[in-house]
Amino acid sequence: MLTADAVGVELSGAVLLPDTSLALRPGSCAAVRGPNGAGKTTLLRVLAGRLRPTRGRATLFDRPLDERARAVRQHIAALIEPPVLYPDLTLRDQIALIVGAWAGAAARPRARADAPAVAWPGWGVDAIDRFEIRHLETRFPHELSSGQRQLVSLAATFARPGSVLLLDEPEQRLDPHRRGLLGDAILAARGAGVAVAFASHDADLVARVADTSLHVGGATA
């Protein structure tokens, strides 16, 4: 479904991502491990089509990755940088905006006749309850703590349809209970056939949800 073949990224002579390969199948989950600065976020940006690698090739359904392509945006849901939250919209409004923007994406005509359908319709507004933030739905972004903003970001990501889920340290600022909710969400997406890649320092989360562990600059286990 989603592959990176010896992709590497350099900028002004600095290596941001050493040559790395990864292949994601429907329903698979790869944990991207490594120390800070190893290139985990850079790899996820390449997989999302947001960054063109200096070397190697990244593809979605055997086509080059480019986030400007409609098919790439339809199939890939990514939480890499925090999403923009509109200051004058409540949490409920934010999620409704996401749901409205992607409404019917799973049923839209395919960009190519041989293009796969979107695997998962997403949770829609139910994502608010899945992450247990219903009590926050009338709050504005400035009224949220950093942990609450992370939950809102996760709800917005899981609310929309997709075939691939890319998450950069999604457990950050979450307590153990909410990390459990995150694990539930990833397993639910996998069960629907979504391919998942996530960078994480949480060994317990990795052990629970991932079937592959990729150490950036190292080998796949």
Protein backbone atom coordinates (compact mmCIF):
# COMPACT_ATOMS: atom_id res chain seq x y z
CA MET A 1 0.00 0.00 0.00
CA LEU A 2 2.58 2.57 1.15
CA THR A 3 6.29 2.05 0.55
CA ALA A 4 9.53 3.91 1.11
CA ASP A 5 12.47 2.47 -0.82
CA ALA A 6 15.81 3.68 0.55
CA VAL A 7 14.50 7.21 1.06
CA GLY A 8 16.92 9.75 2.47
CA VAL A 9 16.74 13.49 3.07
CA GLU A 10 19.60 15.99 3.16
CA LEU A 11 19.48 19.75 3.55
CA SER A 12 22.53 21.95 3.04
CA GLY A 13 24.78 18.96 3.63
CA ALA A 14 23.03 17.88 6.84
CA VAL A 15 21.45 14.42 6.91
CA LEU A 16 17.88 14.78 8.18
CA LEU A 17 16.97 11.18 7.37
CA PRO A 18 19.46 8.38 6.63
CA ASP A 19 18.46 5.98 3.86
CA THR A 20 15.41 4.11 5.19
CA SER A 21 13.01 1.55 3.74
CA LEU A 22 9.52 0.63 4.91
CA ALA A 23 6.54 -1.18 3.41
CA LEU A 24 3.05 -0.97 4.93
CA ARG A 25 0.29 -3.47 4.14
CA PRO A 26 -3.42 -2.96 4.84
CA GLY A 27 -4.00 -3.59 8.55
CA SER A 28 -0.31 -3.48 9.45
CA CYS A 29 1.27 -1.19 12.03
CA ALA A 30 4.90 -0.07 12.11
CA ALA A 31 6.41 1.72 15.10
CA VAL A 32 9.17 4.12 14.08
CA ARG A 33 11.80 4.18 16.81
CA GLY A 34 15.01 6.06 17.40
CA PRO A 35 16.47 8.92 19.46
CA ASN A 36 15.42 12.53 19.03
CA GLY A 37 16.89 13.93 15.84
CA ALA A 38 17.25 10.53 14.17
CA GLY A 39 14.79 11.42 11.41
CA LYS A 40 11.52 9.87 12.59
CA THR A 41 9.40 12.95 11.88
CA THR A 42 11.16 13.50 8.57
CA LEU A 43 10.30 9.94 7.53
CA LEU A 44 6.64 10.48 8.39
CA ARG A 45 6.61 13.70 6.37
CA VAL A 46 8.01 11.81 3.39
CA LEU A 47 5.38 9.08 3.83
CA ALA A 48 2.66 11.75 3.92
CA GLY A 49 3.88 13.26 0.65
CA ARG A 50 4.73 16.53 2.39
CA LEU A 51 8.47 16.26 1.79
CA ARG A 52 10.23 14.98 -1.32
CA PRO A 53 13.20 12.75 -0.45
CA THR A 54 16.66 13.60 -1.70
CA ARG A 55 17.24 9.93 -2.50
CA GLY A 56 15.03 6.91 -2.98
CA ARG A 57 11.34 6.72 -3.78
CA ALA A 58 8.13 6.76 -1.76
CA THR A 59 4.87 5.52 -3.28
CA LEU A 60 1.21 5.05 -2.45
CA PHE A 61 -0.41 2.23 -4.43
CA ASP A 62 2.67 2.26 -6.70
CA ARG A 63 2.27 5.96 -7.54
CA PRO A 64 4.66 8.72 -6.39
CA LEU A 65 3.62 10.46 -3.19
CA ASP A 66 2.52 14.09 -3.41
CA GLU A 67 0.10 15.64 -0.93
CA ARG A 68 -1.26 17.86 -3.72
CA ALA A 69 -2.76 14.77 -5.36
CA ARG A 70 -6.38 14.20 -4.38
CA ALA A 71 -5.88 10.44 -3.99
CA VAL A 72 -3.03 10.97 -1.53
CA ARG A 73 -5.08 13.36 0.61
CA GLN A 74 -8.09 11.02 0.54
CA HIS A 75 -6.11 8.00 1.64
CA ILE A 76 -3.61 9.46 4.14
CA ALA A 77 -4.65 10.88 7.51
CA ALA A 78 -1.65 12.33 9.31
CA LEU A 79 -0.98 13.90 12.69
CA ILE A 80 2.60 15.07 12.29
CA GLU A 81 2.41 18.74 13.17
CA PRO A 82 -0.44 19.92 15.44
CA PRO A 83 -3.44 20.79 13.26
CA VAL A 84 -4.55 24.38 13.04
CA LEU A 85 -7.39 25.10 15.46
CA TYR A 86 -9.57 28.09 14.68
CA PRO A 87 -9.62 30.38 17.74
CA ASP A 88 -13.31 31.30 17.34
CA LEU A 89 -14.57 27.72 16.91
CA THR A 90 -15.43 25.38 19.77
CA LEU A 91 -14.16 21.81 19.87
CA ARG A 92 -17.52 20.64 18.53
CA ASP A 93 -17.21 23.13 15.66
CA GLN A 94 -13.65 22.03 14.88
CA ILE A 95 -14.65 18.37 14.54
CA ALA A 96 -17.76 19.27 12.55
CA LEU A 97 -15.54 21.20 10.13
CA ILE A 98 -13.26 18.19 9.65
CA VAL A 99 -16.19 15.84 9.18
CA GLY A 100 -17.84 18.19 6.70
CA ALA A 101 -14.65 18.63 4.71
CA TRP A 102 -14.23 14.87 4.30
CA ALA A 103 -17.90 13.90 4.11
CA GLY A 104 -18.38 11.21 1.51
CA ALA A 105 -14.65 10.87 0.74
CA ALA A 106 -14.84 7.11 1.13
CA ALA A 107 -17.60 7.00 -1.49
CA ARG A 108 -16.22 9.56 -3.95
CA PRO A 109 -15.28 8.47 -7.47
CA ARG A 110 -11.75 7.10 -7.62
CA ALA A 111 -9.02 9.15 -9.25
CA ARG A 112 -8.20 6.09 -11.40
CA ALA A 113 -10.32 3.11 -12.35
CA ASP A 114 -7.78 0.78 -10.72
CA ALA A 115 -7.34 2.90 -7.57
CA PRO A 116 -8.38 1.18 -4.33
CA ALA A 117 -11.31 2.51 -2.35
CA VAL A 118 -10.66 4.31 0.94
CA ALA A 119 -10.37 1.63 3.62
CA TRP A 120 -12.03 3.30 6.60
CA PRO A 121 -14.76 5.94 6.85
CA GLY A 122 -13.39 7.27 10.15
CA TRP A 123 -15.34 7.87 13.34
CA GLY A 124 -16.84 11.22 12.40
CA VAL A 125 -18.25 13.14 15.36
CA ASP A 126 -18.11 9.93 17.44
CA ALA A 127 -14.36 10.56 17.76
CA ILE A 128 -15.25 13.06 20.49
CA ASP A 129 -16.70 10.26 22.62
CA ARG A 130 -14.01 7.73 21.67
CA PHE A 131 -11.38 10.03 23.19
CA GLU A 132 -13.68 10.98 26.09
CA ILE A 133 -13.70 14.72 25.44
CA ARG A 134 -17.45 15.32 25.19
CA HIS A 135 -17.23 17.55 28.28
CA LEU A 136 -14.89 19.85 26.35
CA GLU A 137 -17.03 20.24 23.22
CA THR A 138 -18.12 23.84 23.96
CA ARG A 139 -14.62 25.08 24.81
CA PHE A 140 -12.44 27.23 22.58
CA PRO A 141 -8.81 26.30 21.85
CA HIS A 142 -7.39 28.83 24.31
CA GLU A 143 -9.39 27.14 27.09
CA LEU A 144 -7.73 23.76 26.55
CA SER A 145 -4.66 22.40 28.32
CA SER A 146 -1.81 20.93 26.25
CA GLY A 147 -3.06 17.40 26.97
CA GLN A 148 -6.59 18.34 25.98
CA ARG A 149 -5.32 19.88 22.74
CA GLN A 150 -3.55 16.62 21.97
CA LEU A 151 -6.80 14.72 22.43
CA VAL A 152 -8.57 17.18 20.14
CA SER A 153 -5.83 16.65 17.54
CA LEU A 154 -6.26 12.89 17.77
CA ALA A 155 -10.05 13.16 17.53
CA ALA A 156 -9.73 15.33 14.42
CA THR A 157 -7.38 12.78 12.83
CA PHE A 158 -9.49 9.73 13.61
CA ALA A 159 -12.72 11.52 12.65
CA ARG A 160 -11.85 11.54 8.94
CA PRO A 161 -11.68 8.66 6.44
CA GLY A 162 -8.43 7.15 5.24
CA SER A 163 -6.42 4.07 4.31
CA VAL A 164 -3.15 5.11 5.96
CA LEU A 165 -2.66 6.66 9.40
CA LEU A 166 0.59 8.49 10.20
CA LEU A 167 1.15 9.68 13.78
CA ASP A 168 4.14 11.49 15.28
CA GLU A 169 4.48 10.70 18.99
CA PRO A 170 0.69 10.62 19.46
CA GLU A 171 1.05 9.62 23.13
CA GLN A 172 2.73 12.88 24.14
CA ARG A 173 1.09 14.72 27.05
CA LEU A 174 -1.41 11.89 27.62
CA ASP A 175 -1.90 10.09 30.94
CA PRO A 176 -1.93 6.25 31.06
CA HIS A 177 -5.73 6.01 30.69
CA ARG A 178 -5.78 8.19 27.59
CA ARG A 179 -2.80 6.35 26.16
CA GLY A 180 -5.03 3.31 26.48
CA LEU A 181 -7.73 5.10 24.46
CA LEU A 182 -5.11 5.89 21.83
CA GLY A 183 -4.11 2.23 21.68
CA ASP A 184 -7.77 1.25 21.27
CA ALA A 185 -8.11 3.74 18.41
CA ILE A 186 -5.05 2.45 16.56
CA LEU A 187 -6.21 -1.17 16.93
CA ALA A 188 -9.69 -0.22 15.66
CA ALA A 189 -8.16 1.44 12.59
CA ARG A 190 -5.95 -1.60 11.96
CA GLY A 191 -8.97 -3.86 12.26
CA ALA A 192 -10.67 -1.86 9.50
CA GLY A 193 -7.71 -2.41 7.17
CA VAL A 194 -5.88 0.86 7.77
CA ALA A 195 -2.08 0.77 7.54
CA VAL A 196 -0.47 2.62 10.45
CA ALA A 197 2.99 4.07 11.01
CA PHE A 198 3.73 6.01 14.18
CA ALA A 199 6.80 7.42 15.89
CA SER A 200 6.83 6.75 19.61
CA HIS A 201 8.98 6.53 22.72
CA ASP A 202 6.31 4.54 24.59
CA ALA A 203 7.46 0.92 24.71
CA ASP A 204 4.14 -0.29 26.15
CA LEU A 205 2.13 1.32 23.34
CA VAL A 206 4.49 -0.10 20.73
CA ALA A 207 4.22 -3.59 22.21
CA ARG A 208 0.44 -3.38 22.24
CA VAL A 209 -0.36 -2.09 18.76
CA ALA A 210 2.63 -2.56 16.42
CA ASP A 211 3.60 -5.68 14.49
CA THR A 212 6.82 -4.15 13.14
CA SER A 213 9.40 -1.88 14.73
CA LEU A 214 11.63 0.20 12.47
CA HIS A 215 14.67 1.85 14.01
CA VAL A 216 15.65 4.80 11.87
CA GLY A 217 19.14 4.12 10.61
CA GLY A 218 18.85 0.48 11.69
CA ALA A 219 17.04 -2.67 10.70
CA THR A 220 13.41 -3.72 10.83
CA ALA A 221 12.59 -6.14 13.67
